PDB file of all heavy atoms in Angstrom:
ATOM      1  N   LYS A   1     -11.041  -0.607 -14.975  1.00  0.00           N
ATOM      2  CA  LYS A   1     -11.544  -0.207 -13.658  1.00  0.00           C
ATOM      3  C   LYS A   1     -10.416  -0.307 -12.634  1.00  0.00           C
ATOM      4  O   LYS A   1      -9.682  -1.304 -12.601  1.00  0.00           O
ATOM      5  CB  LYS A   1     -12.694  -1.136 -13.258  1.00  0.00           C
ATOM      6  CG  LYS A   1     -13.313  -0.815 -11.930  1.00  0.00           C
ATOM      7  CD  LYS A   1     -14.425  -1.809 -11.603  1.00  0.00           C
ATOM      8  CE  LYS A   1     -14.953  -1.517 -10.211  1.00  0.00           C
ATOM      9  NZ  LYS A   1     -15.733  -2.616  -9.677  1.00  0.00           N
ATOM     10  N   VAL A   2     -10.302   0.708 -11.782  1.00  0.00           N
ATOM     11  CA  VAL A   2      -9.299   0.675 -10.716  1.00  0.00           C
ATOM     12  C   VAL A   2      -9.775  -0.309  -9.652  1.00  0.00           C
ATOM     13  O   VAL A   2     -10.850  -0.155  -9.081  1.00  0.00           O
ATOM     14  CB  VAL A   2      -9.078   2.079 -10.111  1.00  0.00           C
ATOM     15  CG1 VAL A   2      -8.117   2.004  -8.930  1.00  0.00           C
ATOM     16  CG2 VAL A   2      -8.546   3.048 -11.162  1.00  0.00           C
ATOM     17  N   ILE A   3      -8.952  -1.334  -9.391  1.00  0.00           N
ATOM     18  CA  ILE A   3      -9.326  -2.355  -8.400  1.00  0.00           C
ATOM     19  C   ILE A   3      -8.399  -2.359  -7.185  1.00  0.00           C
ATOM     20  O   ILE A   3      -8.653  -3.074  -6.220  1.00  0.00           O
ATOM     21  CB  ILE A   3      -9.364  -3.765  -9.020  1.00  0.00           C
ATOM     22  CG1 ILE A   3      -7.993  -4.153  -9.566  1.00  0.00           C
ATOM     23  CG2 ILE A   3     -10.448  -3.853 -10.088  1.00  0.00           C
ATOM     24  CD1 ILE A   3      -7.853  -5.631  -9.858  1.00  0.00           C
ATOM     25  N   GLY A   4      -7.326  -1.586  -7.258  1.00  0.00           N
ATOM     26  CA  GLY A   4      -6.404  -1.514  -6.127  1.00  0.00           C
ATOM     27  C   GLY A   4      -5.762  -0.141  -6.064  1.00  0.00           C
ATOM     28  O   GLY A   4      -5.380   0.398  -7.092  1.00  0.00           O
ATOM     29  N   ARG A   5      -5.715   0.400  -4.855  1.00  0.00           N
ATOM     30  CA  ARG A   5      -5.085   1.706  -4.640  1.00  0.00           C
ATOM     31  C   ARG A   5      -4.177   1.590  -3.430  1.00  0.00           C
ATOM     32  O   ARG A   5      -4.487   0.864  -2.493  1.00  0.00           O
ATOM     33  CB  ARG A   5      -6.129   2.776  -4.328  1.00  0.00           C
ATOM     34  CG  ARG A   5      -7.050   3.136  -5.441  1.00  0.00           C
ATOM     35  CD  ARG A   5      -8.100   4.165  -4.941  1.00  0.00           C
ATOM     36  NE  ARG A   5      -8.912   4.676  -6.009  1.00  0.00           N
ATOM     37  CZ  ARG A   5      -9.944   4.059  -6.549  1.00  0.00           C
ATOM     38  NH1 ARG A   5     -10.302   2.877  -6.111  1.00  0.00           N
ATOM     39  NH2 ARG A   5     -10.634   4.603  -7.529  1.00  0.00           N
ATOM     40  N   GLY A   6      -3.094   2.361  -3.464  1.00  0.00           N
ATOM     41  CA  GLY A   6      -2.233   2.389  -2.302  1.00  0.00           C
ATOM     42  C   GLY A   6      -1.333   3.602  -2.329  1.00  0.00           C
ATOM     43  O   GLY A   6      -1.067   4.147  -3.397  1.00  0.00           O
ATOM     44  N   TYR A   7      -0.935   4.027  -1.166  1.00  0.00           N
ATOM     45  CA  TYR A   7       0.071   5.068  -1.072  1.00  0.00           C
ATOM     46  C   TYR A   7       1.007   4.708   0.067  1.00  0.00           C
ATOM     47  O   TYR A   7       0.660   3.930   0.962  1.00  0.00           O
ATOM     48  CB  TYR A   7      -0.538   6.459  -0.913  1.00  0.00           C
ATOM     49  CG  TYR A   7      -1.441   6.654   0.270  1.00  0.00           C
ATOM     50  CD1 TYR A   7      -0.942   7.051   1.506  1.00  0.00           C
ATOM     51  CD2 TYR A   7      -2.816   6.453   0.154  1.00  0.00           C
ATOM     52  CE1 TYR A   7      -1.788   7.233   2.597  1.00  0.00           C
ATOM     53  CE2 TYR A   7      -3.665   6.634   1.233  1.00  0.00           C
ATOM     54  CZ  TYR A   7      -3.136   7.027   2.449  1.00  0.00           C
ATOM     55  OH  TYR A   7      -3.967   7.207   3.525  1.00  0.00           O
ATOM     56  N   ASN A   8       2.198   5.234  -0.005  1.00  0.00           N
ATOM     57  CA  ASN A   8       3.234   4.916   0.952  1.00  0.00           C
ATOM     58  C   ASN A   8       2.783   5.236   2.382  1.00  0.00           C
ATOM     59  O   ASN A   8       2.331   6.343   2.652  1.00  0.00           O
ATOM     60  CB  ASN A   8       4.487   5.712   0.589  1.00  0.00           C
ATOM     61  CG  ASN A   8       5.714   5.246   1.324  1.00  0.00           C
ATOM     62  OD1 ASN A   8       5.766   4.130   1.813  1.00  0.00           O
ATOM     63  ND2 ASN A   8       6.703   6.101   1.401  1.00  0.00           N
ATOM     64  N   ARG A   9       2.896   4.252   3.275  1.00  0.00           N
ATOM     65  CA  ARG A   9       2.500   4.433   4.677  1.00  0.00           C
ATOM     66  C   ARG A   9       3.563   3.885   5.628  1.00  0.00           C
ATOM     67  O   ARG A   9       3.264   3.492   6.753  1.00  0.00           O
ATOM     68  CB  ARG A   9       1.167   3.710   4.928  1.00  0.00           C
ATOM     69  CG  ARG A   9       0.019   4.309   4.144  1.00  0.00           C
ATOM     70  CD  ARG A   9      -1.216   3.479   4.256  1.00  0.00           C
ATOM     71  NE  ARG A   9      -1.498   3.144   5.653  1.00  0.00           N
ATOM     72  CZ  ARG A   9      -2.698   3.006   6.160  1.00  0.00           C
ATOM     73  NH1 ARG A   9      -3.739   3.174   5.391  1.00  0.00           N
ATOM     74  NH2 ARG A   9      -2.876   2.690   7.423  1.00  0.00           N
ATOM     75  N   ARG A  10       4.806   3.836   5.183  1.00  0.00           N
ATOM     76  CA  ARG A  10       5.876   3.269   6.013  1.00  0.00           C
ATOM     77  C   ARG A  10       6.021   3.992   7.345  1.00  0.00           C
ATOM     78  O   ARG A  10       6.066   3.370   8.389  1.00  0.00           O
ATOM     79  CB  ARG A  10       7.221   3.329   5.271  1.00  0.00           C
ATOM     80  CG  ARG A  10       7.482   2.133   4.444  1.00  0.00           C
ATOM     81  CD  ARG A  10       8.882   2.021   3.957  1.00  0.00           C
ATOM     82  NE  ARG A  10       9.557   3.294   3.739  1.00  0.00           N
ATOM     83  CZ  ARG A  10      10.777   3.395   3.277  1.00  0.00           C
ATOM     84  NH1 ARG A  10      11.454   2.308   2.972  1.00  0.00           N
ATOM     85  NH2 ARG A  10      11.341   4.558   3.089  1.00  0.00           N
ATOM     86  N   ASN A  11       6.126   5.317   7.286  1.00  0.00           N
ATOM     87  CA  ASN A  11       6.295   6.086   8.523  1.00  0.00           C
ATOM     88  C   ASN A  11       5.027   6.068   9.366  1.00  0.00           C
ATOM     89  O   ASN A  11       5.083   5.876  10.576  1.00  0.00           O
ATOM     90  CB  ASN A  11       6.700   7.531   8.213  1.00  0.00           C
ATOM     91  CG  ASN A  11       8.091   7.604   7.644  1.00  0.00           C
ATOM     92  OD1 ASN A  11       8.944   6.778   7.941  1.00  0.00           O
ATOM     93  ND2 ASN A  11       8.329   8.579   6.791  1.00  0.00           N
ATOM     94  N   ARG A  12       3.922   6.272   8.719  1.00  0.00           N
ATOM     95  CA  ARG A  12       2.635   6.339   9.432  1.00  0.00           C
ATOM     96  C   ARG A  12       2.347   5.047  10.193  1.00  0.00           C
ATOM     97  O   ARG A  12       1.940   5.065  11.347  1.00  0.00           O
ATOM     98  CB  ARG A  12       1.538   6.635   8.423  1.00  0.00           C
ATOM     99  CG  ARG A  12       0.159   6.714   9.010  1.00  0.00           C
ATOM    100  CD  ARG A  12      -0.826   7.051   7.932  1.00  0.00           C
ATOM    101  NE  ARG A  12      -2.169   6.800   8.375  1.00  0.00           N
ATOM    102  CZ  ARG A  12      -3.216   6.884   7.603  1.00  0.00           C
ATOM    103  NH1 ARG A  12      -3.083   7.231   6.345  1.00  0.00           N
ATOM    104  NH2 ARG A  12      -4.404   6.643   8.061  1.00  0.00           N
ATOM    105  N   ASP A  13       2.574   3.911   9.531  1.00  0.00           N
ATOM    106  CA  ASP A  13       2.278   2.613  10.144  1.00  0.00           C
ATOM    107  C   ASP A  13       3.512   1.975  10.791  1.00  0.00           C
ATOM    108  O   ASP A  13       3.412   0.877  11.350  1.00  0.00           O
ATOM    109  CB  ASP A  13       1.708   1.651   9.099  1.00  0.00           C
ATOM    110  CG  ASP A  13       0.334   2.064   8.620  1.00  0.00           C
ATOM    111  OD1 ASP A  13      -0.219   3.052   9.136  1.00  0.00           O
ATOM    112  OD2 ASP A  13      -0.190   1.393   7.718  1.00  0.00           O
ATOM    113  N   ARG A  14       4.655   2.643  10.668  1.00  0.00           N
ATOM    114  CA  ARG A  14       5.923   2.131  11.214  1.00  0.00           C
ATOM    115  C   ARG A  14       6.187   0.697  10.745  1.00  0.00           C
ATOM    116  O   ARG A  14       6.513  -0.187  11.541  1.00  0.00           O
ATOM    117  CB  ARG A  14       5.930   2.210  12.735  1.00  0.00           C
ATOM    118  CG  ARG A  14       5.946   3.626  13.243  1.00  0.00           C
ATOM    119  CD  ARG A  14       5.930   3.663  14.759  1.00  0.00           C
ATOM    120  NE  ARG A  14       6.087   5.023  15.259  1.00  0.00           N
ATOM    121  CZ  ARG A  14       5.094   5.894  15.381  1.00  0.00           C
ATOM    122  NH1 ARG A  14       3.878   5.550  15.027  1.00  0.00           N
ATOM    123  NH2 ARG A  14       5.318   7.102  15.849  1.00  0.00           N
ATOM    124  N   SER A  15       6.052   0.504   9.441  1.00  0.00           N
ATOM    125  CA  SER A  15       6.252  -0.820   8.860  1.00  0.00           C
ATOM    126  C   SER A  15       6.962  -0.712   7.516  1.00  0.00           C
ATOM    127  O   SER A  15       6.509   0.006   6.611  1.00  0.00           O
ATOM    128  CB  SER A  15       4.908  -1.525   8.662  1.00  0.00           C
ATOM    129  OG  SER A  15       5.093  -2.734   7.952  1.00  0.00           O
ATOM    130  N   THR A  16       8.035  -1.442   7.392  1.00  0.00           N
ATOM    131  CA  THR A  16       8.793  -1.504   6.141  1.00  0.00           C
ATOM    132  C   THR A  16       7.929  -2.007   4.981  1.00  0.00           C
ATOM    133  O   THR A  16       8.188  -1.684   3.834  1.00  0.00           O
ATOM    134  CB  THR A  16       9.992  -2.461   6.325  1.00  0.00           C
ATOM    135  OG1 THR A  16      10.762  -2.014   7.425  1.00  0.00           O
ATOM    136  CG2 THR A  16      10.847  -2.534   5.097  1.00  0.00           C
ATOM    137  N   LEU A  17       6.927  -2.783   5.276  1.00  0.00           N
ATOM    138  CA  LEU A  17       6.117  -3.429   4.241  1.00  0.00           C
ATOM    139  C   LEU A  17       5.040  -2.531   3.640  1.00  0.00           C
ATOM    140  O   LEU A  17       4.419  -2.907   2.652  1.00  0.00           O
ATOM    141  CB  LEU A  17       5.457  -4.686   4.818  1.00  0.00           C
ATOM    142  CG  LEU A  17       6.415  -5.724   5.402  1.00  0.00           C
ATOM    143  CD1 LEU A  17       5.629  -6.850   6.052  1.00  0.00           C
ATOM    144  CD2 LEU A  17       7.359  -6.241   4.345  1.00  0.00           C
ATOM    145  N   MET A  18       4.801  -1.386   4.206  1.00  0.00           N
ATOM    146  CA  MET A  18       3.666  -0.566   3.786  1.00  0.00           C
ATOM    147  C   MET A  18       3.999   0.364   2.614  1.00  0.00           C
ATOM    148  O   MET A  18       3.786   1.557   2.671  1.00  0.00           O
ATOM    149  CB  MET A  18       3.128   0.220   4.983  1.00  0.00           C
ATOM    150  CG  MET A  18       2.607  -0.683   6.100  1.00  0.00           C
ATOM    151  SD  MET A  18       1.394  -1.897   5.540  1.00  0.00           S
ATOM    152  CE  MET A  18      -0.011  -0.850   5.324  1.00  0.00           C
ATOM    153  N   HIS A  19       4.480  -0.238   1.543  1.00  0.00           N
ATOM    154  CA  HIS A  19       4.743   0.501   0.313  1.00  0.00           C
ATOM    155  C   HIS A  19       3.460   0.581  -0.513  1.00  0.00           C
ATOM    156  O   HIS A  19       2.592  -0.301  -0.414  1.00  0.00           O
ATOM    157  CB  HIS A  19       5.827  -0.195  -0.501  1.00  0.00           C
ATOM    158  CG  HIS A  19       7.196  -0.054   0.072  1.00  0.00           C
ATOM    159  ND1 HIS A  19       8.307  -0.029  -0.718  1.00  0.00           N
ATOM    160  CD2 HIS A  19       7.632   0.053   1.350  1.00  0.00           C
ATOM    161  CE1 HIS A  19       9.378   0.097   0.042  1.00  0.00           C
ATOM    162  NE2 HIS A  19       8.994   0.140   1.308  1.00  0.00           N
ATOM    163  N   ALA A  20       3.373   1.594  -1.335  1.00  0.00           N
ATOM    164  CA  ALA A  20       2.173   1.820  -2.153  1.00  0.00           C
ATOM    165  C   ALA A  20       1.810   0.596  -2.991  1.00  0.00           C
ATOM    166  O   ALA A  20       0.641   0.198  -3.059  1.00  0.00           O
ATOM    167  CB  ALA A  20       2.388   3.032  -3.054  1.00  0.00           C
ATOM    168  N   GLU A  21       2.807  -0.022  -3.620  1.00  0.00           N
ATOM    169  CA  GLU A  21       2.542  -1.166  -4.497  1.00  0.00           C
ATOM    170  C   GLU A  21       2.009  -2.361  -3.713  1.00  0.00           C
ATOM    171  O   GLU A  21       1.071  -3.036  -4.170  1.00  0.00           O
ATOM    172  CB  GLU A  21       3.828  -1.599  -5.233  1.00  0.00           C
ATOM    173  CG  GLU A  21       4.426  -0.534  -6.110  1.00  0.00           C
ATOM    174  CD  GLU A  21       5.516   0.277  -5.430  1.00  0.00           C
ATOM    175  OE1 GLU A  21       5.389   0.575  -4.217  1.00  0.00           O
ATOM    176  OE2 GLU A  21       6.503   0.618  -6.091  1.00  0.00           O
ATOM    177  N   ILE A  22       2.589  -2.627  -2.550  1.00  0.00           N
ATOM    178  CA  ILE A  22       2.170  -3.779  -1.743  1.00  0.00           C
ATOM    179  C   ILE A  22       0.721  -3.602  -1.296  1.00  0.00           C
ATOM    180  O   ILE A  22      -0.089  -4.537  -1.373  1.00  0.00           O
ATOM    181  CB  ILE A  22       3.094  -3.958  -0.512  1.00  0.00           C
ATOM    182  CG1 ILE A  22       4.559  -4.165  -0.945  1.00  0.00           C
ATOM    183  CG2 ILE A  22       2.603  -5.084   0.396  1.00  0.00           C
ATOM    184  CD1 ILE A  22       4.826  -5.398  -1.776  1.00  0.00           C
ATOM    185  N   ILE A  23       0.382  -2.401  -0.851  1.00  0.00           N
ATOM    186  CA  ILE A  23      -0.987  -2.110  -0.410  1.00  0.00           C
ATOM    187  C   ILE A  23      -1.959  -2.281  -1.578  1.00  0.00           C
ATOM    188  O   ILE A  23      -3.014  -2.918  -1.437  1.00  0.00           O
ATOM    189  CB  ILE A  23      -1.071  -0.695   0.189  1.00  0.00           C
ATOM    190  CG1 ILE A  23      -0.227  -0.624   1.474  1.00  0.00           C
ATOM    191  CG2 ILE A  23      -2.522  -0.288   0.451  1.00  0.00           C
ATOM    192  CD1 ILE A  23       0.037   0.787   1.973  1.00  0.00           C
ATOM    193  N   ALA A  24      -1.601  -1.739  -2.741  1.00  0.00           N
ATOM    194  CA  ALA A  24      -2.474  -1.836  -3.921  1.00  0.00           C
ATOM    195  C   ALA A  24      -2.625  -3.289  -4.379  1.00  0.00           C
ATOM    196  O   ALA A  24      -3.722  -3.718  -4.752  1.00  0.00           O
ATOM    197  CB  ALA A  24      -1.932  -0.963  -5.050  1.00  0.00           C
ATOM    198  N   ILE A  25      -1.540  -4.053  -4.340  1.00  0.00           N
ATOM    199  CA  ILE A  25      -1.599  -5.464  -4.745  1.00  0.00           C
ATOM    200  C   ILE A  25      -2.532  -6.235  -3.803  1.00  0.00           C
ATOM    201  O   ILE A  25      -3.351  -7.049  -4.253  1.00  0.00           O
ATOM    202  CB  ILE A  25      -0.186  -6.095  -4.778  1.00  0.00           C
ATOM    203  CG1 ILE A  25       0.594  -5.566  -5.993  1.00  0.00           C
ATOM    204  CG2 ILE A  25      -0.255  -7.622  -4.813  1.00  0.00           C
ATOM    205  CD1 ILE A  25       2.070  -5.923  -6.001  1.00  0.00           C
ATOM    206  N   ARG A  26      -2.428  -6.000  -2.506  1.00  0.00           N
ATOM    207  CA  ARG A  26      -3.311  -6.687  -1.552  1.00  0.00           C
ATOM    208  C   ARG A  26      -4.781  -6.373  -1.838  1.00  0.00           C
ATOM    209  O   ARG A  26      -5.633  -7.269  -1.841  1.00  0.00           O
ATOM    210  CB  ARG A  26      -2.964  -6.281  -0.126  1.00  0.00           C
ATOM    211  CG  ARG A  26      -1.660  -6.906   0.363  1.00  0.00           C
ATOM    212  CD  ARG A  26      -1.320  -6.492   1.750  1.00  0.00           C
ATOM    213  NE  ARG A  26      -2.338  -7.008   2.662  1.00  0.00           N
ATOM    214  CZ  ARG A  26      -2.545  -6.530   3.872  1.00  0.00           C
ATOM    215  NH1 ARG A  26      -1.825  -5.537   4.325  1.00  0.00           N
ATOM    216  NH2 ARG A  26      -3.470  -7.044   4.649  1.00  0.00           N
ATOM    217  N   LYS A  27      -5.068  -5.090  -2.087  1.00  0.00           N
ATOM    218  CA  LYS A  27      -6.461  -4.701  -2.354  1.00  0.00           C
ATOM    219  C   LYS A  27      -6.962  -5.294  -3.662  1.00  0.00           C
ATOM    220  O   LYS A  27      -8.090  -5.800  -3.743  1.00  0.00           O
ATOM    221  CB  LYS A  27      -6.588  -3.179  -2.363  1.00  0.00           C
ATOM    222  CG  LYS A  27      -6.421  -2.577  -0.976  1.00  0.00           C
ATOM    223  CD  LYS A  27      -6.494  -1.064  -1.001  1.00  0.00           C
ATOM    224  CE  LYS A  27      -6.328  -0.510   0.410  1.00  0.00           C
ATOM    225  NZ  LYS A  27      -6.343   0.952   0.423  1.00  0.00           N
ATOM    226  N   ALA A  28      -6.140  -5.258  -4.708  1.00  0.00           N
ATOM    227  CA  ALA A  28      -6.543  -5.808  -6.006  1.00  0.00           C
ATOM    228  C   ALA A  28      -6.776  -7.313  -5.903  1.00  0.00           C
ATOM    229  O   ALA A  28      -7.731  -7.841  -6.495  1.00  0.00           O
ATOM    230  CB  ALA A  28      -5.481  -5.493  -7.067  1.00  0.00           C
TER     231      ALA A  28
END
């Protein structure tokens, strides 16, 4: 089962930390 999803949001959120993997790890 998919428990975490993420996509790159660096530009959108103006944050170096908003990589797809980091977002998915937080959600999972």
